[in-house]
Every structure is written in structure tokens, then in C-alpha cells.
Amino acid sequence: RHAPVLAEFATAQALALAAQRTPEERQQSARDVTALVQRVQGEARRARILRAVHSERQLQEVLVAFWFNHFNVFAGKESVRVTAGYFEAEAIRPHVFGRFRDLLGASARHPAMLNYLDNWQSVAPGFRFPAAAQAAAQAQGGFILPRGLNENYARELLELHTLGVDGGYVQADVTAVARAFTGWSFDRRNPGSQDAFRFYPARHDASAKTVLGKTVQGQGQAQGDWVLDLLARHPATARRISTKLARHFVSETPSEALLQQLTLVFLQTDGDLRALMRALIMSDAFSDPANFGARYKAPDRFVISAVRACGLSAPDPVLMAGAMAGMGMPILLCPTPDGWPDMRSAWLTPEGLRLRTEFSARLATQVSQSTRALTLPGLSEPTRAVLEAQPAQHRLALALASPDFSRY
């Protein structure tokens, strides 16, 4: 478990903020925090990359990256700096072939999400901590105590995680959802404990809530679960999730027939993601030659697929992570809740092409079999013909940098 590491982080962070410490002690504590953050994030990036390169369950690895991006958290904020990697391991990875409702619930309860979208700060209107609690929080490292309703998580839950911006909700629904999740928090002093999630009844707005025309009476923590149940089974959610998966795996402009087929599967199976992926892969659209190469690889997928294509047995995950970051896609560090864009226009740029070419050239120097270039997957016959006419020592770099290899 990661609890000792995160307890160490919380302690060091508290020391760095403690008013009674000398400036020199606070600076040293801040340096300790930075070193710990770099170590934990480095381990998380290494785990993501090495699993993606070596795993025989490639669909699972692609889905882990897809769903992390869907439920994005930014590892540049407070304790999310050390919990983002565990968010992937604990909230995302175990559920990519499960039910969407379980994935949604796991993300809602994780300290990384509760911190990133500020739900830990959301309390019932009018709630105030006693003066003694405020003084104790300050003495323990300047922890900020929440005051008032915070709608950040509620808004992104509706707009990004489930219904979509055109999902039929209004501002009153955002406020009601935020009120339903008041009191959902985590142990700020040890966000990595076995069960860091906390529900604080005293901070909860116990009144009845109406969301999307449906009303739930005061039920404490269960109000938030009721909201998750409602949203996970909503037709707009089924349509949004089906659309995102179809765009990622088939085409940026999937057919209406495919979207209707996937939406129906989602609704009929209560959001069974394994069944949904099976329906997508078995669909006519997925096997249609017109859709082969219709998608453009984002930097993470390009780097990982290039290393896999080269057959390197011991790739350097640090260099790979650096290459992804240089191309504009640092792992765990997308700053916005909507995640990295999943569109060709975001990544197909002159600078992006230059960086891919440079990475391809560096990678090719690590591979001795120059003939491997002619057997790379996805290369068209005209591209192979061009490669055969080039000096053998340049073929692999040219193949990796070719337009064909960046498509899937």
C-alpha cells in the first residue's frame, strides 16, 4: 500500500506550511515535498508506460489511458500530486471492463478526484466549523477548512463524466447535485490511508433534492449515490459514452447507426463496459476498411506503439515520458477536467511532426534490425515501396516518422 508514502507527504507538507517553523526549516520541508512528489509521480509514469509497452492485454492498457483521460485529475494540485497515480491504479484500472456505474462511483470517492474538483470543500450552506476546530487546523499546518457550497465537481460530473453539455440539465440541477454531495470528503492528513474517503454528516445538506425532474429525500451519503445511479443509467450518458468510445476506436465522425447500436447495448446491459466494447469491436464500422487509419495517434500512443514496433526489451520509461511531454502530453499533467483532446487537429501540427521525426530517429538507433521497418504494422504498399528504395540504415526511422505509422 501507498499509505506510508502519502502520510510522509502530508507530514512534510504540514511542516512546510507550519507558521511556527523557521524559514530555513520551511524551505527544507518544501524541498522534501518536491522530491517526494517527483519520486511518486515518476513511479506512476513508469508503471503506466511499462504496462503499456509489455502487457499482452493491449486493449486493457488503451482503455486505462482512455478512462483516465475521461475522468481526468491533474497531478499538479495539492495532494493530487501524489494520489493521481493511485487514482489510475485504484479507481480506473480495476473497472475498465466492469460496469460504468462502478467506475463512476470509484472516481467520485477517490481522494484525487475529491481534491482536484474541490468537493472536499463543499459543505451545506450556513455550516461553520467551531472556532476550536479552526484553530486546530491552523496549528496542524494551516489546513484550509471548507466553507460553503462548491459546484466544481457537480458541474464536471454532469458535463464531462456523464450526460454531456447537451444532456438536458440546467443550472438548478448543478446546484442540486452539489448539495447532494456535500459532506463527501477525504482524510486530508493522510489521503493514502486504506480508506481515505470520508463522509461527514454534519457538513451535509440533508434537505430533499430534485435532479433532472426526479426527487430524493434526505438520505445522507446515499443522496450522492442516488445521483450517481441516476446519471449512470441516463440515456444521455449512454449516448455520450458510446460516442466517445466510437470516436476513439473507429472514427472522429462515427455513423449514427453505430452510435445507436452502442447506446442500446449500454442501456440494455446497465452500462456493462465489456459488453459495450465487444459490440464496438464486432460492429461493421470497426472492421470497415474505410475506417482503417482514420484516427491519428496522440503522443502517448505514438511513443508507445513505436517502442513496441521496434521490439525493445528494456525501453527507458523516463525518456519515453519525456518524449510524450515534449510533444505536449505529459502523463498525469493535463490541467483541465476535460482531459487531453482526442482529435487529429490537436496533434497534427508542424511542431508535432518535427518532434515525432526526431524521436523516430533517436529510437531507430537503438534497433539493429533495419529490415524491421518493412514489416511494421499499418504501412501502406506505396510507403513500403518508398522505404525499400532508401538506405537500409534509414528505413526504420523513416517508417516510424511516416504518416502511415501515426495513423490507426
Protein backbone atom coordinates (compact mmCIF):
# COMPACT_ATOMS: atom_id res chain seq x y z
CA ARG A 1 0.00 0.00 0.00
CA HIS A 2 0.98 3.61 -0.56
CA ALA A 3 -0.29 4.91 2.80
CA PRO A 4 3.20 5.38 4.34
CA VAL A 5 4.37 7.43 1.35
CA LEU A 6 1.32 9.66 1.39
CA ALA A 7 1.43 10.03 5.16
CA GLU A 8 5.04 11.16 4.69
CA PHE A 9 3.83 13.66 2.08
CA ALA A 10 1.11 15.01 4.35
CA THR A 11 3.54 15.40 7.22
CA ALA A 12 6.17 17.13 5.10
CA GLN A 13 3.56 19.41 3.58
CA ALA A 14 2.29 20.33 7.03
CA LEU A 15 5.81 21.12 8.19
CA ALA A 16 6.41 23.26 5.12
CA LEU A 17 3.35 25.33 5.95
CA ALA A 18 3.66 25.48 9.72
CA ALA A 19 3.89 29.09 10.85
CA GLN A 20 5.99 28.29 13.90
CA ARG A 21 8.86 26.84 11.82
CA THR A 22 11.87 28.89 10.85
CA PRO A 23 12.20 29.97 7.20
CA GLU A 24 15.10 27.54 6.75
CA GLU A 25 13.06 24.62 8.10
CA ARG A 26 10.11 25.52 5.91
CA GLN A 27 12.36 25.67 2.83
CA GLN A 28 13.86 22.28 3.62
CA SER A 29 10.41 20.79 4.15
CA ALA A 30 9.27 22.26 0.84
CA ARG A 31 12.27 20.64 -0.86
CA ASP A 32 11.38 17.33 0.80
CA VAL A 33 7.83 17.60 -0.52
CA THR A 34 9.08 18.36 -4.04
CA ALA A 35 11.46 15.38 -4.01
CA LEU A 36 8.73 13.06 -2.76
CA VAL A 37 6.29 14.30 -5.39
CA GLN A 38 8.85 13.76 -8.15
CA ARG A 39 9.53 10.23 -6.91
CA VAL A 40 5.88 9.22 -6.63
CA GLN A 41 4.92 10.74 -9.98
CA GLY A 42 7.94 9.15 -11.61
CA GLU A 43 6.88 5.74 -10.34
CA ALA A 44 3.34 6.29 -11.63
CA ARG A 45 4.56 7.28 -15.09
CA ARG A 46 6.94 4.34 -15.18
CA ALA A 47 4.12 1.96 -14.26
CA ARG A 48 1.81 3.38 -16.95
CA ILE A 49 4.46 3.19 -19.67
CA LEU A 50 5.92 -0.22 -18.88
CA ARG A 51 2.49 -1.84 -18.63
CA ALA A 52 1.51 -0.28 -21.95
CA VAL A 53 4.72 -1.48 -23.63
CA HIS A 54 4.93 -5.03 -22.25
CA SER A 55 1.37 -6.10 -21.44
CA GLU A 56 -0.25 -8.78 -23.58
CA ARG A 57 -3.62 -7.17 -22.74
CA GLN A 58 -3.24 -4.22 -25.03
CA LEU A 59 -6.93 -3.34 -25.16
CA GLN A 60 -6.96 -3.03 -21.38
CA GLU A 61 -3.98 -0.67 -21.44
CA VAL A 62 -5.56 1.52 -24.11
CA LEU A 63 -8.77 1.65 -22.06
CA VAL A 64 -6.91 2.58 -18.89
CA ALA A 65 -5.48 5.63 -20.67
CA PHE A 66 -8.88 6.39 -22.25
CA TRP A 67 -10.82 6.28 -18.97
CA PHE A 68 -8.17 8.16 -17.00
CA ASN A 69 -8.48 10.89 -19.61
CA HIS A 70 -12.27 10.81 -19.32
CA PHE A 71 -12.10 11.19 -15.52
CA ASN A 72 -9.00 13.36 -15.64
CA VAL A 73 -7.27 14.60 -12.49
CA PHE A 74 -4.32 17.00 -12.58
CA ALA A 75 -1.21 15.90 -10.68
CA GLY A 76 -0.10 19.47 -10.15
CA LYS A 77 -2.57 20.35 -7.41
CA GLU A 78 -2.13 19.85 -3.68
CA SER A 79 -2.26 16.18 -2.63
CA VAL A 80 -3.30 15.15 -6.16
CA ARG A 81 0.43 15.43 -6.86
CA VAL A 82 0.89 12.11 -5.07
CA THR A 83 -2.55 10.50 -5.43
CA ALA A 84 -3.03 10.81 -9.22
CA GLY A 85 -1.11 7.62 -9.95
CA TYR A 86 -3.09 5.74 -7.32
CA PHE A 87 -6.29 7.13 -8.84
CA GLU A 88 -5.35 5.26 -12.01
CA ALA A 89 -4.46 2.08 -10.11
CA GLU A 90 -7.42 2.06 -7.75
CA ALA A 91 -10.30 3.90 -9.40
CA ILE A 92 -9.68 3.34 -13.12
CA ARG A 93 -7.75 0.15 -13.84
CA PRO A 94 -9.95 -2.32 -11.90
CA HIS A 95 -13.14 -1.14 -13.62
CA VAL A 96 -12.37 -0.72 -17.34
CA PHE A 97 -14.23 -3.95 -18.15
CA GLY A 98 -16.82 -3.59 -15.40
CA ARG A 99 -19.98 -1.52 -15.09
CA PHE A 100 -19.83 2.18 -15.83
CA ARG A 101 -21.63 2.85 -12.54
CA ASP A 102 -18.80 1.21 -10.59
CA LEU A 103 -16.18 3.21 -12.48
CA LEU A 104 -18.14 6.40 -11.86
CA GLY A 105 -18.50 5.64 -8.16
CA ALA A 106 -14.85 4.75 -7.72
CA SER A 107 -13.80 8.04 -9.31
CA ALA A 108 -16.26 10.03 -7.17
CA ARG A 109 -14.89 8.61 -3.90
CA HIS A 110 -11.19 8.78 -4.64
CA PRO A 111 -9.12 11.43 -2.81
CA ALA A 112 -7.57 12.55 -6.09
CA MET A 113 -10.96 13.50 -7.57
CA LEU A 114 -12.33 14.88 -4.31
CA ASN A 115 -9.31 17.18 -4.12
CA TYR A 116 -8.93 18.07 -7.80
CA LEU A 117 -12.53 19.18 -8.27
CA ASP A 118 -12.79 20.60 -4.75
CA ASN A 119 -15.72 18.55 -3.49
CA TRP A 120 -13.96 18.17 -0.14
CA GLN A 121 -14.54 21.91 0.25
CA SER A 122 -18.27 21.67 -0.36
CA VAL A 123 -20.44 21.89 2.77
CA ALA A 124 -24.07 22.71 3.44
CA PRO A 125 -24.83 26.42 3.13
CA GLY A 126 -24.54 28.03 6.53
CA PHE A 127 -22.27 25.35 8.01
CA ARG A 128 -19.35 26.70 10.02
CA PHE A 129 -16.62 24.87 11.87
CA PRO A 130 -16.30 25.63 15.58
CA ALA A 131 -13.57 28.10 16.48
CA ALA A 132 -11.60 25.36 18.21
CA ALA A 133 -11.53 23.26 15.04
CA GLN A 134 -10.32 26.23 13.01
CA ALA A 135 -7.52 26.89 15.48
CA ALA A 136 -6.52 23.22 15.49
CA ALA A 137 -6.39 23.12 11.70
CA GLN A 138 -4.11 26.13 11.62
CA ALA A 139 -1.84 24.60 14.25
CA GLN A 140 -1.59 21.34 12.26
CA GLY A 141 -0.10 23.00 9.23
CA GLY A 142 -2.52 25.61 8.00
CA PHE A 143 -5.08 23.20 6.55
CA ILE A 144 -7.91 25.16 4.96
CA LEU A 145 -11.36 24.33 6.28
CA PRO A 146 -14.21 24.26 3.75
CA ARG A 147 -16.86 26.97 3.80
CA GLY A 148 -19.99 26.94 1.67
CA LEU A 149 -21.22 25.10 -1.40
CA ASN A 150 -18.72 24.27 -4.16
CA GLU A 151 -20.18 23.28 -7.53
CA ASN A 152 -16.98 22.30 -9.36
CA TYR A 153 -17.41 18.54 -9.10
CA ALA A 154 -21.15 18.67 -9.71
CA ARG A 155 -20.69 20.64 -12.92
CA GLU A 156 -17.99 18.37 -14.32
CA LEU A 157 -19.88 15.26 -13.23
CA LEU A 158 -22.81 16.34 -15.39
CA GLU A 159 -20.95 17.96 -18.27
CA LEU A 160 -17.90 15.69 -18.65
CA HIS A 161 -18.31 12.43 -16.74
CA THR A 162 -21.91 11.57 -17.65
CA LEU A 163 -24.63 13.49 -19.55
CA GLY A 164 -22.56 15.88 -21.64
CA VAL A 165 -23.06 19.59 -22.18
CA ASP A 166 -26.21 18.91 -24.24
CA GLY A 167 -27.52 16.29 -21.82
CA GLY A 168 -30.62 18.22 -20.77
CA TYR A 169 -29.59 19.56 -17.37
CA VAL A 170 -29.86 23.17 -16.19
CA GLN A 171 -28.10 25.24 -13.55
CA ALA A 172 -30.63 24.21 -10.92
CA ASP A 173 -29.58 20.59 -11.47
CA VAL A 174 -25.90 21.53 -10.97
CA THR A 175 -26.74 23.18 -7.66
CA ALA A 176 -28.90 20.26 -6.51
CA VAL A 177 -26.14 17.76 -7.36
CA ALA A 178 -23.59 19.86 -5.49
CA ARG A 179 -25.87 19.91 -2.45
CA ALA A 180 -26.29 16.12 -2.68
CA PHE A 181 -22.52 15.66 -2.49
CA THR A 182 -21.91 17.98 0.46
CA GLY A 183 -20.01 16.12 3.15
CA TRP A 184 -18.19 13.85 0.66
CA SER A 185 -14.55 14.36 1.57
CA PHE A 186 -11.33 12.55 2.46
CA ASP A 187 -8.75 12.40 5.21
CA ARG A 188 -6.63 15.43 4.41
CA ARG A 189 -3.93 14.41 6.88
CA ASN A 190 -3.44 11.00 5.26
CA PRO A 191 -5.01 10.83 1.78
CA GLY A 192 -3.41 7.43 1.20
CA SER A 193 -4.95 5.50 4.09
CA GLN A 194 -6.72 2.20 3.42
CA ASP A 195 -10.00 4.12 3.24
CA ALA A 196 -9.26 7.80 2.84
CA PHE A 197 -12.84 8.60 1.79
CA ARG A 198 -14.85 10.33 4.47
CA PHE A 199 -18.49 11.31 4.72
CA TYR A 200 -19.18 13.98 7.31
CA PRO A 201 -22.93 14.06 8.14
CA ALA A 202 -22.68 17.42 9.90
CA ARG A 203 -21.45 19.05 6.69
CA HIS A 204 -24.18 17.52 4.52
CA ASP A 205 -27.23 19.35 3.24
CA ALA A 206 -29.92 16.90 4.34
CA SER A 207 -32.83 18.51 2.50
CA ALA A 208 -34.64 16.86 -0.42
CA LYS A 209 -33.02 17.30 -3.85
CA THR A 210 -34.56 17.39 -7.31
CA VAL A 211 -32.27 16.41 -10.19
CA LEU A 212 -33.48 16.08 -13.79
CA GLY A 213 -37.06 16.19 -12.56
CA LYS A 214 -36.62 13.38 -10.02
CA THR A 215 -36.64 13.94 -6.27
CA VAL A 216 -34.76 12.20 -3.49
CA GLN A 217 -35.39 12.78 0.20
CA GLY A 218 -32.66 13.38 2.74
CA GLN A 219 -30.58 10.20 3.00
CA GLY A 220 -27.12 11.43 3.96
CA GLN A 221 -24.33 9.88 1.92
CA ALA A 222 -26.88 7.85 -0.03
CA GLN A 223 -28.06 11.05 -1.74
CA GLY A 224 -24.79 11.21 -3.65
CA ASP A 225 -25.05 7.55 -4.57
CA TRP A 226 -28.62 8.15 -5.75
CA VAL A 227 -27.32 10.89 -8.07
CA LEU A 228 -24.63 8.56 -9.44
CA ASP A 229 -27.24 5.84 -10.04
CA LEU A 230 -29.47 8.31 -11.88
CA LEU A 231 -26.71 9.68 -14.08
CA ALA A 232 -25.03 6.35 -14.84
CA ARG A 233 -28.28 4.93 -16.26
CA HIS A 234 -29.43 8.03 -18.11
CA PRO A 235 -29.87 7.74 -21.92
CA ALA A 236 -27.78 10.88 -22.43
CA THR A 237 -24.89 9.24 -20.56
CA ALA A 238 -25.24 6.10 -22.66
CA ARG A 239 -25.08 8.21 -25.81
CA ARG A 240 -22.12 10.28 -24.63
CA ILE A 241 -20.00 7.30 -23.54
CA SER A 242 -20.83 5.43 -26.75
CA THR A 243 -19.87 8.45 -28.82
CA LYS A 244 -16.52 8.93 -27.07
CA LEU A 245 -15.59 5.26 -27.46
CA ALA A 246 -16.66 5.19 -31.11
CA ARG A 247 -14.62 8.30 -31.86
CA HIS A 248 -11.57 6.88 -30.12
CA PHE A 249 -11.63 3.44 -31.71
CA VAL A 250 -13.32 3.97 -35.09
CA SER A 251 -13.59 7.49 -36.47
CA GLU A 252 -13.87 11.10 -35.38
CA THR A 253 -17.21 11.11 -37.19
CA PRO A 254 -18.83 7.76 -36.31
CA SER A 255 -22.02 6.84 -38.10
CA GLU A 256 -25.39 7.34 -36.46
CA ALA A 257 -26.08 3.63 -36.88
CA LEU A 258 -23.02 2.74 -34.79
CA LEU A 259 -23.90 5.26 -32.09
CA GLN A 260 -27.45 3.97 -31.84
CA GLN A 261 -26.22 0.38 -31.66
CA LEU A 262 -23.74 1.13 -28.86
CA THR A 263 -26.18 3.30 -26.93
CA LEU A 264 -28.72 0.48 -26.96
CA VAL A 265 -26.13 -2.01 -25.68
CA PHE A 266 -25.17 0.38 -22.88
CA LEU A 267 -28.79 0.77 -21.77
CA GLN A 268 -29.70 -2.90 -22.11
CA THR A 269 -26.69 -4.13 -20.12
CA ASP A 270 -26.81 -1.48 -17.37
CA GLY A 271 -23.59 0.06 -18.59
CA ASP A 272 -21.56 -3.14 -18.94
CA LEU A 273 -18.33 -1.81 -20.47
CA ARG A 274 -17.12 -5.26 -21.52
CA ALA A 275 -20.33 -5.81 -23.48
CA LEU A 276 -20.06 -2.32 -24.93
CA MET A 277 -16.50 -2.91 -26.15
CA ARG A 278 -17.47 -6.29 -27.57
CA ALA A 279 -20.30 -4.67 -29.53
CA LEU A 280 -17.96 -1.96 -30.82
CA ILE A 281 -15.25 -4.39 -31.93
CA MET A 282 -17.76 -6.73 -33.57
CA SER A 283 -19.53 -3.89 -35.38
CA ASP A 284 -19.35 -3.46 -39.15
CA ALA A 285 -17.90 0.03 -38.67
CA PHE A 286 -14.92 -1.28 -36.70
CA SER A 287 -13.95 -3.71 -39.48
CA ASP A 288 -14.80 -1.37 -42.35
CA PRO A 289 -11.61 -0.76 -44.38
CA ALA A 290 -12.75 2.83 -44.86
CA ASN A 291 -12.08 3.40 -41.17
CA PHE A 292 -8.60 1.83 -41.15
CA GLY A 293 -6.13 4.60 -40.45
CA ALA A 294 -8.90 7.10 -39.88
CA ARG A 295 -7.56 8.11 -36.44
CA TYR A 296 -4.35 9.99 -35.65
CA LYS A 297 -2.28 8.80 -32.70
CA ALA A 298 -1.95 11.11 -29.74
CA PRO A 299 1.65 11.49 -28.47
CA ASP A 300 1.35 8.79 -25.80
CA ARG A 301 0.03 6.24 -28.24
CA PHE A 302 2.60 7.18 -30.86
CA VAL A 303 5.55 6.78 -28.48
CA ILE A 304 4.30 3.50 -27.01
CA SER A 305 3.42 1.98 -30.38
CA ALA A 306 6.82 3.00 -31.80
CA VAL A 307 8.68 1.31 -28.94
CA ARG A 308 6.52 -1.81 -29.26
CA ALA A 309 7.04 -1.89 -33.02
CA CYS A 310 10.80 -1.77 -32.51
CA GLY A 311 10.64 -4.73 -30.15
CA LEU A 312 12.81 -3.15 -27.48
CA SER A 313 13.01 -5.45 -24.47
CA ALA A 314 14.16 -2.81 -22.00
CA PRO A 315 12.91 0.64 -23.08
CA ASP A 316 13.69 3.65 -20.93
CA PRO A 317 10.38 4.90 -19.45
CA VAL A 318 11.97 8.19 -18.40
CA LEU A 319 12.95 9.00 -21.98
CA MET A 320 9.53 7.89 -23.21
CA ALA A 321 7.74 10.08 -20.68
CA GLY A 322 9.99 12.97 -21.66
CA ALA A 323 9.17 12.45 -25.33
CA MET A 324 5.42 12.49 -24.61
CA ALA A 325 5.81 15.64 -22.53
CA GLY A 326 7.85 17.29 -25.27
CA MET A 327 5.07 16.54 -27.73
CA GLY A 328 2.62 18.28 -25.42
CA MET A 329 1.16 15.35 -23.49
CA PRO A 330 2.86 14.90 -20.10
CA ILE A 331 1.45 11.88 -18.26
CA LEU A 332 -0.79 12.83 -15.29
CA LEU A 333 -0.43 16.55 -16.02
CA CYS A 334 -3.37 17.57 -18.18
CA PRO A 335 -4.52 20.71 -16.33
CA THR A 336 -8.18 20.76 -17.41
CA PRO A 337 -11.00 18.42 -16.32
CA ASP A 338 -11.92 17.53 -19.91
CA GLY A 339 -8.62 15.70 -20.43
CA TRP A 340 -6.41 15.72 -23.50
CA PRO A 341 -8.19 16.31 -26.82
CA ASP A 342 -8.95 13.21 -28.84
CA MET A 343 -8.92 14.89 -32.24
CA ARG A 344 -6.42 14.86 -35.12
CA SER A 345 -6.31 18.67 -35.25
CA ALA A 346 -4.88 18.85 -31.71
CA TRP A 347 -1.77 16.79 -32.50
CA LEU A 348 -1.17 17.05 -36.26
CA THR A 349 0.94 20.22 -36.30
CA PRO A 350 4.28 21.18 -37.88
CA GLU A 351 5.97 21.17 -34.47
CA GLY A 352 4.37 17.85 -33.60
CA LEU A 353 5.62 16.30 -36.83
CA ARG A 354 9.13 17.59 -36.17
CA LEU A 355 9.18 16.09 -32.69
CA ARG A 356 7.88 12.74 -33.94
CA THR A 357 10.58 12.66 -36.60
CA GLU A 358 13.30 13.41 -34.07
CA PHE A 359 12.00 10.75 -31.68
CA SER A 360 11.82 8.22 -34.51
CA ALA A 361 15.43 8.92 -35.46
CA ARG A 362 16.64 8.50 -31.87
CA LEU A 363 14.63 5.33 -31.37
CA ALA A 364 15.87 3.76 -34.59
CA THR A 365 19.46 4.00 -33.41
CA GLN A 366 18.62 1.52 -30.62
CA VAL A 367 17.43 -1.17 -33.03
CA SER A 368 19.86 -3.27 -35.02
CA GLN A 369 17.41 -4.86 -37.47
CA SER A 370 16.92 -2.22 -40.13
CA THR A 371 14.74 -4.61 -42.13
CA ARG A 372 12.15 -4.38 -39.35
CA ALA A 373 10.88 -1.19 -41.00
CA LEU A 374 9.33 -3.15 -43.86
CA THR A 375 7.23 -5.25 -41.51
CA LEU A 376 5.81 -2.50 -39.28
CA PRO A 377 2.02 -2.69 -38.97
CA GLY A 378 -0.14 -0.13 -40.73
CA LEU A 379 2.25 0.77 -43.54
CA SER A 380 0.70 1.02 -46.99
CA GLU A 381 2.22 -0.63 -50.03
CA PRO A 382 3.34 2.72 -51.52
CA THR A 383 5.11 3.55 -48.24
CA ARG A 384 6.83 0.16 -48.18
CA ALA A 385 7.97 0.69 -51.75
CA VAL A 386 9.50 4.05 -50.84
CA LEU A 387 11.25 2.51 -47.84
CA GLU A 388 12.79 -0.27 -49.94
CA ALA A 389 14.42 2.37 -52.10
CA GLN A 390 16.12 4.03 -49.10
CA PRO A 391 19.42 3.03 -47.48
CA ALA A 392 18.80 0.21 -45.03
CA GLN A 393 20.11 2.16 -42.05
CA HIS A 394 17.48 4.89 -42.56
CA ARG A 395 14.42 2.75 -43.18
CA LEU A 396 13.22 2.28 -39.63
CA ALA A 397 13.43 5.96 -38.71
CA LEU A 398 11.61 6.90 -41.91
CA ALA A 399 8.95 4.26 -41.30
CA LEU A 400 8.26 5.44 -37.77
CA ALA A 401 8.10 9.06 -38.91
CA SER A 402 5.84 8.27 -41.87
CA PRO A 403 2.22 9.47 -41.96
CA ASP A 404 1.08 5.84 -42.07
CA PHE A 405 2.60 4.96 -38.72
CA SER A 406 0.90 7.89 -36.96
CA ARG A 407 -2.50 6.63 -38.08
CA TYR A 408 -4.55 3.81 -36.62
